[in-house]
PDB file of N, CA and C in Angstrom:
ATOM      1  N   MET A   1       1.132  -1.074  -0.184  1.00  0.00           N
ATOM      2  CA  MET A   1      -0.236  -0.120  -0.140  1.00  0.00           C
ATOM      3  C   MET A   1       1.225   1.528   0.086  1.00  0.00           C
ATOM      4  N   ARG A   2       0.528   2.238  -0.910  1.00  0.00           N
ATOM      5  CA  ARG A   2       1.424   3.313  -1.026  1.00  0.00           C
ATOM      6  C   ARG A   2       0.731   4.388  -0.393  1.00  0.00           C
ATOM      7  N   ARG A   3      -0.699   4.326  -0.896  1.00  0.00           N
ATOM      8  CA  ARG A   3      -1.577   5.505  -0.701  1.00  0.00           C
ATOM      9  C   ARG A   3      -3.145   5.047  -0.079  1.00  0.00           C
ATOM     10  N   ILE A   4      -3.933   5.793   0.988  1.00  0.00           N
ATOM     11  CA  ILE A   4      -4.698   5.390   1.396  1.00  0.00           C
ATOM     12  C   ILE A   4      -5.581   6.729   1.310  1.00  0.00           C
ATOM     13  N   GLU A   5      -7.037   6.814   0.941  1.00  0.00           N
ATOM     14  CA  GLU A   5      -7.633   7.724   1.093  1.00  0.00           C
ATOM     15  C   GLU A   5      -8.907   8.075   1.339  1.00  0.00           C
ATOM     16  N   PHE A   6      -9.420   8.827   2.358  1.00  0.00           N
ATOM     17  CA  PHE A   6     -10.780   8.825   3.338  1.00  0.00           C
ATOM     18  C   PHE A   6     -11.653   9.772   2.753  1.00  0.00           C
ATOM     19  N   LEU A   7     -12.679   9.232   2.412  1.00  0.00           N
ATOM     20  CA  LEU A   7     -13.676  10.272   1.552  1.00  0.00           C
ATOM     21  C   LEU A   7     -14.877   9.430   2.270  1.00  0.00           C
ATOM     22  N   ASN A   8     -16.119  10.470   2.175  1.00  0.00           N
ATOM     23  CA  ASN A   8     -17.417  10.575   2.726  1.00  0.00           C
ATOM     24  C   ASN A   8     -18.493  10.382   1.808  1.00  0.00           C
ATOM     25  N   TYR A   9     -19.310   9.303   1.910  1.00  0.00           N
ATOM     26  CA  TYR A   9     -20.438   9.600   0.489  1.00  0.00           C
ATOM     27  C   TYR A   9     -21.889   8.947   1.319  1.00  0.00           C
ATOM     28  N   PRO A  10     -22.984   9.690   0.656  1.00  0.00           N
ATOM     29  CA  PRO A  10     -23.979   9.746   1.038  1.00  0.00           C
ATOM     30  C   PRO A  10     -24.746   8.344   0.361  1.00  0.00           C
ATOM     31  N   ILE A  11     -25.486   8.088   1.471  1.00  0.00           N
ATOM     32  CA  ILE A  11     -26.339   6.716   1.146  1.00  0.00           C
ATOM     33  C   ILE A  11     -27.694   6.793   1.671  1.00  0.00           C
ATOM     34  N   GLY A  12     -28.796   6.466   0.691  1.00  0.00           N
ATOM     35  CA  GLY A  12     -29.744   6.163   1.492  1.00  0.00           C
ATOM     36  C   GLY A  12     -30.994   7.106   0.555  1.00  0.00           C
ATOM     37  N   GLY A  13     -32.193   7.659   1.183  1.00  0.00           N
ATOM     38  CA  GLY A  13     -32.794   8.209   0.141  1.00  0.00           C
ATOM     39  C   GLY A  13     -32.928   9.809   0.810  1.00  0.00           C
ATOM     40  N   GLU A  14     -34.421  10.277   0.822  1.00  0.00           N
ATOM     41  CA  GLU A  14     -34.556  11.762   1.040  1.00  0.00           C
ATOM     42  C   GLU A  14     -33.424  12.685   2.144  1.00  0.00           C
ATOM     43  N   VAL A  15     -33.032  11.799   3.293  1.00  0.00           N
ATOM     44  CA  VAL A  15     -32.466  12.080   4.189  1.00  0.00           C
ATOM     45  C   VAL A  15     -31.126  11.805   4.156  1.00  0.00           C
ATOM     46  N   PRO A  16     -30.019  11.322   3.252  1.00  0.00           N
ATOM     47  CA  PRO A  16     -28.942  10.850   3.233  1.00  0.00           C
ATOM     48  C   PRO A  16     -28.134  10.557   4.563  1.00  0.00           C
ATOM     49  N   ILE A  17     -27.834   9.371   4.614  1.00  0.00           N
ATOM     50  CA  ILE A  17     -26.621   9.059   5.913  1.00  0.00           C
ATOM     51  C   ILE A  17     -25.344   9.068   5.300  1.00  0.00           C
ATOM     52  N   HIS A  18     -23.969   9.898   5.782  1.00  0.00           N
ATOM     53  CA  HIS A  18     -22.747   9.898   5.220  1.00  0.00           C
ATOM     54  C   HIS A  18     -22.211   8.864   6.055  1.00  0.00           C
ATOM     55  N   GLN A  19     -21.297   7.631   5.139  1.00  0.00           N
ATOM     56  CA  GLN A  19     -20.480   6.990   5.296  1.00  0.00           C
ATOM     57  C   GLN A  19     -18.996   7.394   5.139  1.00  0.00           C
ATOM     58  N   TRP A  20     -17.701   6.529   5.856  1.00  0.00           N
ATOM     59  CA  TRP A  20     -16.695   6.573   5.491  1.00  0.00           C
ATOM     60  C   TRP A  20     -16.556   5.518   4.499  1.00  0.00           C
ATOM     61  N   GLY A  21     -15.588   6.171   3.517  1.00  0.00           N
ATOM     62  CA  GLY A  21     -15.196   5.093   2.147  1.00  0.00           C
ATOM     63  C   GLY A  21     -13.742   5.516   2.203  1.00  0.00           C
ATOM     64  N   TYR A  22     -13.010   4.399   1.612  1.00  0.00           N
ATOM     65  CA  TYR A  22     -11.673   3.777   1.682  1.00  0.00           C
ATOM     66  C   TYR A  22     -11.397   3.901  -0.035  1.00  0.00           C
ATOM     67  N   ARG A  23     -10.267   4.410  -0.520  1.00  0.00           N
ATOM     68  CA  ARG A  23      -9.507   4.239  -1.677  1.00  0.00           C
ATOM     69  C   ARG A  23      -8.054   3.527  -1.310  1.00  0.00           C
ATOM     70  N   ILE A  24      -7.355   2.271  -1.493  1.00  0.00           N
ATOM     71  CA  ILE A  24      -6.337   1.793  -1.459  1.00  0.00           C
ATOM     72  C   ILE A  24      -5.712   1.637  -2.568  1.00  0.00           C
ATOM     73  N   ASP A  25      -4.607   2.484  -2.439  1.00  0.00           N
ATOM     74  CA  ASP A  25      -4.033   2.908  -4.229  1.00  0.00           C
ATOM     75  C   ASP A  25      -4.694   2.933  -5.294  1.00  0.00           C
ATOM     76  N   GLY A  26      -6.087   3.959  -5.312  1.00  0.00           N
ATOM     77  CA  GLY A  26      -6.953   4.166  -6.013  1.00  0.00           C
ATOM     78  C   GLY A  26      -8.321   2.717  -5.989  1.00  0.00           C
ATOM     79  N   THR A  27      -8.120   2.351  -5.283  1.00  0.00           N
ATOM     80  CA  THR A  27      -9.091   0.932  -5.229  1.00  0.00           C
ATOM     81  C   THR A  27     -10.332   0.833  -4.472  1.00  0.00           C
ATOM     82  N   ASP A  28     -11.652   0.858  -4.481  1.00  0.00           N
ATOM     83  CA  ASP A  28     -12.211   0.959  -3.238  1.00  0.00           C
ATOM     84  C   ASP A  28     -12.031  -0.354  -2.400  1.00  0.00           C
ATOM     85  N   LEU A  29     -12.047   0.084  -1.057  1.00  0.00           N
ATOM     86  CA  LEU A  29     -11.827  -1.162  -0.356  1.00  0.00           C
ATOM     87  C   LEU A  29     -12.572  -2.214  -0.208  1.00  0.00           C
ATOM     88  N   ARG A  30     -13.901  -2.088  -1.002  1.00  0.00           N
ATOM     89  CA  ARG A  30     -15.156  -3.098  -1.107  1.00  0.00           C
ATOM     90  C   ARG A  30     -14.762  -3.977  -2.326  1.00  0.00           C
ATOM     91  N   VAL A  31     -13.944  -3.680  -2.997  1.00  0.00           N
ATOM     92  CA  VAL A  31     -13.166  -4.062  -4.030  1.00  0.00           C
ATOM     93  C   VAL A  31     -11.829  -5.271  -3.775  1.00  0.00           C
ATOM     94  N   TYR A  32     -11.611  -4.899  -2.556  1.00  0.00           N
ATOM     95  CA  TYR A  32     -10.296  -5.597  -2.112  1.00  0.00           C
ATOM     96  C   TYR A  32     -11.368  -7.063  -1.222  1.00  0.00           C
ATOM     97  N   ALA A  33     -12.499  -6.509  -0.466  1.00  0.00           N
ATOM     98  CA  ALA A  33     -13.199  -7.432   0.260  1.00  0.00           C
ATOM     99  C   ALA A  33     -13.702  -8.246  -0.600  1.00  0.00           C
ATOM    100  N   ALA A  34     -14.304  -7.677  -1.880  1.00  0.00           N
ATOM    101  CA  ALA A  34     -14.958  -8.555  -2.526  1.00  0.00           C
ATOM    102  C   ALA A  34     -13.980 -10.175  -3.126  1.00  0.00           C
ATOM    103  N   ASP A  35     -12.936  -9.414  -3.321  1.00  0.00           N
ATOM    104  CA  ASP A  35     -12.048 -10.164  -3.874  1.00  0.00           C
ATOM    105  C   ASP A  35     -11.980 -11.162  -2.902  1.00  0.00           C
ATOM    106  N   ALA A  36     -11.177 -10.865  -1.646  1.00  0.00           N
ATOM    107  CA  ALA A  36     -10.966 -12.039  -0.695  1.00  0.00           C
ATOM    108  C   ALA A  36     -12.178 -12.811  -0.665  1.00  0.00           C
ATOM    109  N   THR A  37     -13.176 -12.256  -0.434  1.00  0.00           N
ATOM    110  CA  THR A  37     -14.582 -13.779  -0.016  1.00  0.00           C
ATOM    111  C   THR A  37     -14.986 -14.011  -1.270  1.00  0.00           C
ATOM    112  N   ARG A  38     -14.761 -13.634  -2.440  1.00  0.00           N
ATOM    113  CA  ARG A  38     -15.244 -14.574  -3.575  1.00  0.00           C
ATOM    114  C   ARG A  38     -15.245 -16.106  -3.430  1.00  0.00           C
ATOM    115  N   ASP A  39     -14.342 -16.691  -3.226  1.00  0.00           N
ATOM    116  CA  ASP A  39     -14.332 -18.053  -2.988  1.00  0.00           C
ATOM    117  C   ASP A  39     -15.843 -18.477  -2.335  1.00  0.00           C
ATOM    118  N   LEU A  40     -15.509 -18.078  -1.110  1.00  0.00           N
ATOM    119  CA  LEU A  40     -16.392 -18.633  -0.048  1.00  0.00           C
ATOM    120  C   LEU A  40     -17.988 -18.141  -0.574  1.00  0.00           C
ATOM    121  N   TRP A  41     -18.094 -17.158  -0.859  1.00  0.00           N
ATOM    122  CA  TRP A  41     -19.787 -17.004  -1.396  1.00  0.00           C
ATOM    123  C   TRP A  41     -20.021 -18.068  -3.129  1.00  0.00           C
ATOM    124  N   ARG A  42     -18.964 -17.949  -3.604  1.00  0.00           N
ATOM    125  CA  ARG A  42     -19.348 -19.253  -4.427  1.00  0.00           C
ATOM    126  C   ARG A  42     -20.240 -20.527  -4.141  1.00  0.00           C
ATOM    127  N   ARG A  43     -19.598 -20.865  -2.675  1.00  0.00           N
ATOM    128  CA  ARG A  43     -19.492 -22.268  -2.416  1.00  0.00           C
ATOM    129  C   ARG A  43     -21.308 -22.197  -2.035  1.00  0.00           C
ATOM    130  N   GLU A  44     -21.808 -20.947  -1.761  1.00  0.00           N
ATOM    131  CA  GLU A  44     -23.618 -20.489  -1.395  1.00  0.00           C
ATOM    132  C   GLU A  44     -24.043 -20.028  -2.432  1.00  0.00           C
ATOM    133  N   ARG A  45     -23.544 -19.585  -3.294  1.00  0.00           N
ATOM    134  CA  ARG A  45     -24.449 -19.143  -4.530  1.00  0.00           C
ATOM    135  C   ARG A  45     -23.940 -19.797  -5.996  1.00  0.00           C
ATOM    136  N   GLU A  46     -25.203 -20.144  -6.372  1.00  0.00           N
ATOM    137  CA  GLU A  46     -24.506 -19.864  -7.709  1.00  0.00           C
ATOM    138  C   GLU A  46     -25.362 -19.074  -8.603  1.00  0.00           C
ATOM    139  N   GLU A  47     -24.581 -17.535  -8.646  1.00  0.00           N
ATOM    140  CA  GLU A  47     -25.059 -16.534  -9.626  1.00  0.00           C
ATOM    141  C   GLU A  47     -24.605 -17.024 -11.145  1.00  0.00           C
ATOM    142  N   LYS A  48     -25.777 -16.918 -11.976  1.00  0.00           N
ATOM    143  CA  LYS A  48     -25.395 -17.133 -13.572  1.00  0.00           C
ATOM    144  C   LYS A  48     -24.526 -15.743 -13.966  1.00  0.00           C
ATOM    145  N   ASP A  49     -25.359 -15.093 -13.419  1.00  0.00           N
ATOM    146  CA  ASP A  49     -24.788 -13.571 -14.199  1.00  0.00           C
ATOM    147  C   ASP A  49     -23.735 -13.016 -13.515  1.00  0.00           C
ATOM    148  N   PRO A  50     -22.827 -12.960 -14.332  1.00  0.00           N
ATOM    149  CA  PRO A  50     -21.356 -12.159 -13.366  1.00  0.00           C
ATOM    150  C   PRO A  50     -21.774 -10.833 -12.988  1.00  0.00           C
ATOM    151  N   ALA A  51     -22.342  -9.832 -13.682  1.00  0.00           N
ATOM    152  CA  ALA A  51     -22.516  -8.626 -13.236  1.00  0.00           C
ATOM    153  C   ALA A  51     -23.572  -8.770 -11.915  1.00  0.00           C
ATOM    154  N   ALA A  52     -24.425  -9.581 -11.608  1.00  0.00           N
ATOM    155  CA  ALA A  52     -24.905  -9.718 -10.701  1.00  0.00           C
ATOM    156  C   ALA A  52     -23.979 -10.029  -9.626  1.00  0.00           C
ATOM    157  N   GLU A  53     -23.503 -11.136  -9.473  1.00  0.00           N
ATOM    158  CA  GLU A  53     -22.314 -11.426  -8.735  1.00  0.00           C
ATOM    159  C   GLU A  53     -20.912 -10.339  -8.059  1.00  0.00           C
ATOM    160  N   GLU A  54     -20.909  -9.684  -8.979  1.00  0.00           N
ATOM    161  CA  GLU A  54     -20.193  -8.323  -8.890  1.00  0.00           C
ATOM    162  C   GLU A  54     -20.777  -7.660  -8.044  1.00  0.00           C
ATOM    163  N   ARG A  55     -21.904  -6.928  -8.058  1.00  0.00           N
ATOM    164  CA  ARG A  55     -22.979  -6.438  -7.476  1.00  0.00           C
ATOM    165  C   ARG A  55     -23.060  -7.193  -6.016  1.00  0.00           C
ATOM    166  N   PHE A  56     -23.597  -8.396  -6.214  1.00  0.00           N
ATOM    167  CA  PHE A  56     -23.896  -9.046  -4.902  1.00  0.00           C
ATOM    168  C   PHE A  56     -22.653  -8.954  -3.925  1.00  0.00           C
ATOM    169  N   LEU A  57     -21.443  -9.275  -4.344  1.00  0.00           N
ATOM    170  CA  LEU A  57     -20.198  -9.152  -3.714  1.00  0.00           C
ATOM    171  C   LEU A  57     -19.481  -7.916  -3.622  1.00  0.00           C
ATOM    172  N   LEU A  58     -19.831  -7.016  -3.814  1.00  0.00           N
ATOM    173  CA  LEU A  58     -19.566  -5.458  -3.507  1.00  0.00           C
ATOM    174  C   LEU A  58     -20.592  -5.166  -2.653  1.00  0.00           C
ATOM    175  N   ASP A  59     -21.954  -5.515  -2.329  1.00  0.00           N
ATOM    176  CA  ASP A  59     -22.899  -5.160  -1.884  1.00  0.00           C
ATOM    177  C   ASP A  59     -22.683  -5.683  -0.082  1.00  0.00           C
ATOM    178  N   GLN A  60     -21.733  -6.562  -0.008  1.00  0.00           N
ATOM    179  CA  GLN A  60     -21.723  -7.560   1.354  1.00  0.00           C
ATOM    180  C   GLN A  60     -20.941  -6.909   2.481  1.00  0.00           C
ATOM    181  N   HIS A  61     -20.034  -5.466   1.775  1.00  0.00           N
ATOM    182  CA  HIS A  61     -19.635  -4.395   3.525  1.00  0.00           C
ATOM    183  C   HIS A  61     -20.146  -3.101   2.196  1.00  0.00           C
ATOM    184  N   ASP A  62     -20.362  -2.172   3.748  1.00  0.00           N
ATOM    185  CA  ASP A  62     -20.355  -0.953   3.234  1.00  0.00           C
ATOM    186  C   ASP A  62     -19.783  -0.341   4.240  1.00  0.00           C
ATOM    187  N   GLY A  63     -19.598   0.741   4.535  1.00  0.00           N
ATOM    188  CA  GLY A  63     -18.719   2.023   4.858  1.00  0.00           C
ATOM    189  C   GLY A  63     -19.491   2.197   6.578  1.00  0.00           C
ATOM    190  N   LEU A  64     -18.574   2.451   7.599  1.00  0.00           N
ATOM    191  CA  LEU A  64     -19.655   3.073   8.996  1.00  0.00           C
ATOM    192  C   LEU A  64     -19.826   4.584   8.726  1.00  0.00           C
ATOM    193  N   THR A  65     -20.751   4.698   9.426  1.00  0.00           N
ATOM    194  CA  THR A  65     -21.270   6.075   9.223  1.00  0.00           C
ATOM    195  C   THR A  65     -20.949   7.116   9.998  1.00  0.00           C
ATOM    196  N   LEU A  66     -20.834   8.226   9.724  1.00  0.00           N
ATOM    197  CA  LEU A  66     -20.016   9.305  10.600  1.00  0.00           C
ATOM    198  C   LEU A  66     -20.466   9.487  11.719  1.00  0.00           C
ATOM    199  N   ASP A  67     -21.471   8.667  11.999  1.00  0.00           N
ATOM    200  CA  ASP A  67     -22.075   8.886  13.432  1.00  0.00           C
ATOM    201  C   ASP A  67     -21.150   7.878  14.558  1.00  0.00           C
ATOM    202  N   GLU A  68     -21.269   6.597  13.598  1.00  0.00           N
ATOM    203  CA  GLU A  68     -20.422   5.522  14.069  1.00  0.00           C
ATOM    204  C   GLU A  68     -19.159   5.244  14.653  1.00  0.00           C
ATOM    205  N   VAL A  69     -18.598   6.096  14.197  1.00  0.00           N
ATOM    206  CA  VAL A  69     -16.971   6.446  13.907  1.00  0.00           C
ATOM    207  C   VAL A  69     -16.730   7.155  15.043  1.00  0.00           C
ATOM    208  N   GLY A  70     -17.424   8.077  15.388  1.00  0.00           N
ATOM    209  CA  GLY A  70     -16.946   9.330  16.182  1.00  0.00           C
ATOM    210  C   GLY A  70     -15.938  10.371  15.968  1.00  0.00           C
ATOM    211  N   ASP A  71     -14.895  10.290  16.584  1.00  0.00           N
ATOM    212  CA  ASP A  71     -13.617  10.804  16.211  1.00  0.00           C
ATOM    213  C   ASP A  71     -12.669   9.926  15.321  1.00  0.00           C
ATOM    214  N   PRO A  72     -12.768  10.653  13.893  1.00  0.00           N
ATOM    215  CA  PRO A  72     -12.090   9.992  12.732  1.00  0.00           C
ATOM    216  C   PRO A  72     -10.714   9.683  13.364  1.00  0.00           C
ATOM    217  N   ALA A  73      -9.840  10.720  13.778  1.00  0.00           N
ATOM    218  CA  ALA A  73      -8.267  10.827  14.059  1.00  0.00           C
ATOM    219  C   ALA A  73      -8.234   9.649  14.739  1.00  0.00           C
ATOM    220  N   ARG A  74      -9.193   9.855  16.053  1.00  0.00           N
ATOM    221  CA  ARG A  74      -8.503   8.179  16.965  1.00  0.00           C
ATOM    222  C   ARG A  74      -9.190   6.689  16.290  1.00  0.00           C
ATOM    223  N   HIS A  75     -10.388   6.910  15.748  1.00  0.00           N
ATOM    224  CA  HIS A  75     -10.290   5.624  15.066  1.00  0.00           C
ATOM    225  C   HIS A  75      -9.518   5.152  14.089  1.00  0.00           C
ATOM    226  N   PHE A  76      -9.009   5.752  12.868  1.00  0.00           N
ATOM    227  CA  PHE A  76      -8.665   5.607  11.897  1.00  0.00           C
ATOM    228  C   PHE A  76      -6.797   5.523  12.119  1.00  0.00           C
ATOM    229  N   LEU A  77      -6.495   5.923  13.424  1.00  0.00           N
ATOM    230  CA  LEU A  77      -4.993   6.012  13.827  1.00  0.00           C
ATOM    231  C   LEU A  77      -5.196   4.401  15.064  1.00  0.00           C
ATOM    232  N   GLY A  78      -5.845   3.802  15.017  1.00  0.00           N
ATOM    233  CA  GLY A  78      -5.790   2.624  15.555  1.00  0.00           C
ATOM    234  C   GLY A  78      -6.420   2.692  17.130  1.00  0.00           C
ATOM    235  N   ASP A  79      -6.983   3.777  17.397  1.00  0.00           N
ATOM    236  CA  ASP A  79      -7.508   3.898  18.932  1.00  0.00           C
ATOM    237  C   ASP A  79      -9.062   4.229  18.753  1.00  0.00           C
ATOM    238  N   PRO A  80      -9.888   3.004  18.293  1.00  0.00           N
ATOM    239  CA  PRO A  80     -11.155   3.151  18.287  1.00  0.00           C
ATOM    240  C   PRO A  80     -11.785   3.235  19.601  1.00  0.00           C
ATOM    241  N   ALA A  81     -13.250   3.446  19.453  1.00  0.00           N
ATOM    242  CA  ALA A  81     -13.991   4.213  20.824  1.00  0.00           C
ATOM    243  C   ALA A  81     -14.626   3.148  21.379  1.00  0.00           C
ATOM    244  N   PRO A  82     -14.499   2.369  22.564  1.00  0.00           N
ATOM    245  CA  PRO A  82     -14.374   1.192  23.313  1.00  0.00           C
ATOM    246  C   PRO A  82     -15.447   0.039  22.463  1.00  0.00           C
ATOM    247  N   GLU A  83     -16.619   0.798  21.893  1.00  0.00           N
ATOM    248  CA  GLU A  83     -17.239   0.135  21.531  1.00  0.00           C
ATOM    249  C   GLU A  83     -16.998  -0.809  20.160  1.00  0.00           C
ATOM    250  N   PHE A  84     -16.131  -0.384  19.792  1.00  0.00           N
ATOM    251  CA  PHE A  84     -15.502  -0.671  18.505  1.00  0.00           C
ATOM    252  C   PHE A  84     -14.389  -1.424  18.322  1.00  0.00           C
ATOM    253  N   ALA A  85     -13.661  -1.400  19.729  1.00  0.00           N
ATOM    254  CA  ALA A  85     -12.339  -1.915  20.014  1.00  0.00           C
ATOM    255  C   ALA A  85     -12.501  -3.501  20.228  1.00  0.00           C
ATOM    256  N   ASP A  86     -11.611  -4.363  19.871  1.00  0.00           N
ATOM    257  CA  ASP A  86     -11.307  -5.998  19.954  1.00  0.00           C
ATOM    258  C   ASP A  86      -9.840  -5.904  20.769  1.00  0.00           C
ATOM    259  N   PRO A  87      -9.936  -5.414  21.770  1.00  0.00           N
ATOM    260  CA  PRO A  87      -8.870  -5.437  22.484  1.00  0.00           C
ATOM    261  C   PRO A  87      -7.916  -7.003  22.500  1.00  0.00           C
ATOM    262  N   SER A  88      -8.636  -8.103  22.724  1.00  0.00           N
ATOM    263  CA  SER A  88      -7.498  -9.325  22.108  1.00  0.00           C
ATOM    264  C   SER A  88      -7.303  -9.550  21.047  1.00  0.00           C
ATOM    265  N   ALA A  89      -7.854  -8.822  19.656  1.00  0.00           N
ATOM    266  CA  ALA A  89      -7.535  -8.805  18.799  1.00  0.00           C
ATOM    267  C   ALA A  89      -6.244  -7.400  18.214  1.00  0.00           C
ATOM    268  N   GLY A  90      -6.988  -6.572  19.064  1.00  0.00           N
ATOM    269  CA  GLY A  90      -5.849  -5.337  18.536  1.00  0.00           C
ATOM    270  C   GLY A  90      -6.547  -4.707  17.339  1.00  0.00           C
ATOM    271  N   THR A  91      -8.051  -4.885  16.776  1.00  0.00           N
ATOM    272  CA  THR A  91      -8.187  -4.644  15.258  1.00  0.00           C
ATOM    273  C   THR A  91      -9.324  -3.795  15.911  1.00  0.00           C
ATOM    274  N   THR A  92      -9.600  -2.808  14.482  1.00  0.00           N
ATOM    275  CA  THR A  92     -10.474  -1.791  14.696  1.00  0.00           C
ATOM    276  C   THR A  92     -11.595  -2.219  13.242  1.00  0.00           C
ATOM    277  N   PRO A  93     -12.662  -2.005  13.258  1.00  0.00           N
ATOM    278  CA  PRO A  93     -13.510  -2.272  11.669  1.00  0.00           C
ATOM    279  C   PRO A  93     -12.895  -0.624  11.084  1.00  0.00           C
ATOM    280  N   VAL A  94     -12.955  -0.854   9.663  1.00  0.00           N
ATOM    281  CA  VAL A  94     -12.941  -0.341   8.538  1.00  0.00           C
ATOM    282  C   VAL A  94     -14.565  -0.347   7.936  1.00  0.00           C
ATOM    283  N   LEU A  95     -14.841  -1.477   7.887  1.00  0.00           N
ATOM    284  CA  LEU A  95     -16.088  -1.368   6.957  1.00  0.00           C
ATOM    285  C   LEU A  95     -17.006  -2.362   8.068  1.00  0.00           C
ATOM    286  N   GLY A  96     -18.481  -2.375   7.627  1.00  0.00           N
ATOM    287  CA  GLY A  96     -19.455  -2.917   8.400  1.00  0.00           C
ATOM    288  C   GLY A  96     -20.429  -3.528   7.280  1.00  0.00           C
ATOM    289  N   CYS A  97     -21.135  -4.635   8.275  1.00  0.00           N
ATOM    290  CA  CYS A  97     -22.463  -5.126   7.086  1.00  0.00           C
ATOM    291  C   CYS A  97     -23.389  -3.859   6.014  1.00  0.00           C
ATOM    292  N   SER A  98     -24.075  -4.467   5.058  1.00  0.00           N
ATOM    293  CA  SER A  98     -24.376  -3.344   4.457  1.00  0.00           C
ATOM    294  C   SER A  98     -25.687  -3.443   4.786  1.00  0.00           C
ATOM    295  N   CYS A  99     -26.462  -4.391   5.691  1.00  0.00           N
ATOM    296  CA  CYS A  99     -27.822  -4.553   6.513  1.00  0.00           C
ATOM    297  C   CYS A  99     -27.855  -3.329   7.544  1.00  0.00           C
ATOM    298  N   GLY A 100     -26.696  -2.314   7.612  1.00  0.00           N
ATOM    299  CA  GLY A 100     -26.804  -1.068   8.764  1.00  0.00           C
ATOM    300  C   GLY A 100     -26.469  -1.296   9.824  1.00  0.00           C
ATOM    301  N   VAL A 101     -25.961  -2.625  10.141  1.00  0.00           N
ATOM    302  CA  VAL A 101     -25.566  -3.418  11.569  1.00  0.00           C
ATOM    303  C   VAL A 101     -24.120  -3.508  11.179  1.00  0.00           C
ATOM    304  N   TRP A 102     -23.242  -2.719  11.878  1.00  0.00           N
ATOM    305  CA  TRP A 102     -22.041  -2.505  11.693  1.00  0.00           C
ATOM    306  C   TRP A 102     -21.287  -3.966  12.072  1.00  0.00           C
ATOM    307  N   ALA A 103     -21.619  -4.353  13.115  1.00  0.00           N
ATOM    308  CA  ALA A 103     -21.226  -5.948  14.170  1.00  0.00           C
ATOM    309  C   ALA A 103     -21.694  -7.650  13.026  1.00  0.00           C
ATOM    310  N   CYS A 104     -22.499  -6.979  12.359  1.00  0.00           N
ATOM    311  CA  CYS A 104     -22.778  -8.303  11.583  1.00  0.00           C
ATOM    312  C   CYS A 104     -21.821  -8.539  11.118  1.00  0.00           C
ATOM    313  N   TRP A 105     -21.390  -8.287  10.126  1.00  0.00           N
ATOM    314  CA  TRP A 105     -20.582  -8.435   9.120  1.00  0.00           C
ATOM    315  C   TRP A 105     -19.010  -7.777   9.133  1.00  0.00           C
ATOM    316  N   PRO A 106     -18.474  -7.441  10.073  1.00  0.00           N
ATOM    317  CA  PRO A 106     -17.484  -6.216  10.104  1.00  0.00           C
ATOM    318  C   PRO A 106     -15.962  -6.682   9.329  1.00  0.00           C
ATOM    319  N   LEU A 107     -15.414  -5.927   8.560  1.00  0.00           N
ATOM    320  CA  LEU A 107     -13.895  -6.205   8.100  1.00  0.00           C
ATOM    321  C   LEU A 107     -12.999  -5.357   9.074  1.00  0.00           C
ATOM    322  N   ARG A 108     -12.521  -5.738   9.648  1.00  0.00           N
ATOM    323  CA  ARG A 108     -11.623  -5.578  10.620  1.00  0.00           C
ATOM    324  C   ARG A 108      -9.869  -5.532  10.454  1.00  0.00           C
ATOM    325  N   THR A 109      -9.040  -4.234  10.994  1.00  0.00           N
ATOM    326  CA  THR A 109      -8.170  -4.679  10.570  1.00  0.00           C
ATOM    327  C   THR A 109      -6.765  -4.220  11.656  1.00  0.00           C
ATOM    328  N   THR A 110      -6.038  -4.551  11.986  1.00  0.00           N
ATOM    329  CA  THR A 110      -4.995  -3.862  12.196  1.00  0.00           C
ATOM    330  C   THR A 110      -4.343  -2.828  11.639  1.00  0.00           C
ATOM    331  N   ILE A 111      -4.386  -1.713  12.598  1.00  0.00           N
ATOM    332  CA  ILE A 111      -3.698  -0.122  12.329  1.00  0.00           C
ATOM    333  C   ILE A 111      -2.690  -0.330  13.131  1.00  0.00           C
ATOM    334  N   THR A 112      -1.532   0.365  12.195  1.00  0.00           N
ATOM    335  CA  THR A 112      -0.036   0.484  12.958  1.00  0.00           C
ATOM    336  C   THR A 112       0.253   1.568  12.243  1.00  0.00           C
ATOM    337  N   THR A 113       0.708   2.640  13.366  1.00  0.00           N
ATOM    338  CA  THR A 113       1.191   4.091  12.911  1.00  0.00           C
ATOM    339  C   THR A 113       2.493   4.136  13.580  1.00  0.00           C
ATOM    340  N   THR A 114       3.250   4.790  12.646  1.00  0.00           N
ATOM    341  CA  THR A 114       4.824   5.258  13.325  1.00  0.00           C
ATOM    342  C   THR A 114       4.498   6.818  13.094  1.00  0.00           C
ATOM    343  N   PRO A 115       5.581   7.540  13.892  1.00  0.00           N
ATOM    344  CA  PRO A 115       5.533   9.121  14.209  1.00  0.00           C
ATOM    345  C   PRO A 115       5.538   9.918  12.201  1.00  0.00           C
ATOM    346  N   THR A 116       6.316   8.981  11.514  1.00  0.00           N
ATOM    347  CA  THR A 116       6.121   9.619   9.897  1.00  0.00           C
ATOM    348  C   THR A 116       4.880   8.779   8.996  1.00  0.00           C
ATOM    349  N   ARG A 117       4.325   8.056   9.460  1.00  0.00           N
ATOM    350  CA  ARG A 117       3.371   7.340   8.539  1.00  0.00           C
ATOM    351  C   ARG A 117       2.264   6.611   9.341  1.00  0.00           C
TER     352      ARG A 117
END
């Protein structure tokens, strides 16, 4: 990874909710998650349409809402709020489930920081 971008994007209807999104070297993090879980879902689904399969895979994770994350500087530097922390693994969720309950199917990662990175 050379570059990570953080962005906010709206979801929902008339009163949209904003979520955090991420690009790693220009690619949406959800694409990486879809690639990593592709074989898992193939065993459970027999989708004949490749475009529908891709949409399904991309829709398995979604960003965390701005309200859920709270202080983004703390969260994205590896010091999340207690309800997000997993002390046993030292991980932080960066994507949640597309059902709207982040803890249903979170994508968690270890965030390591140095004085310059």
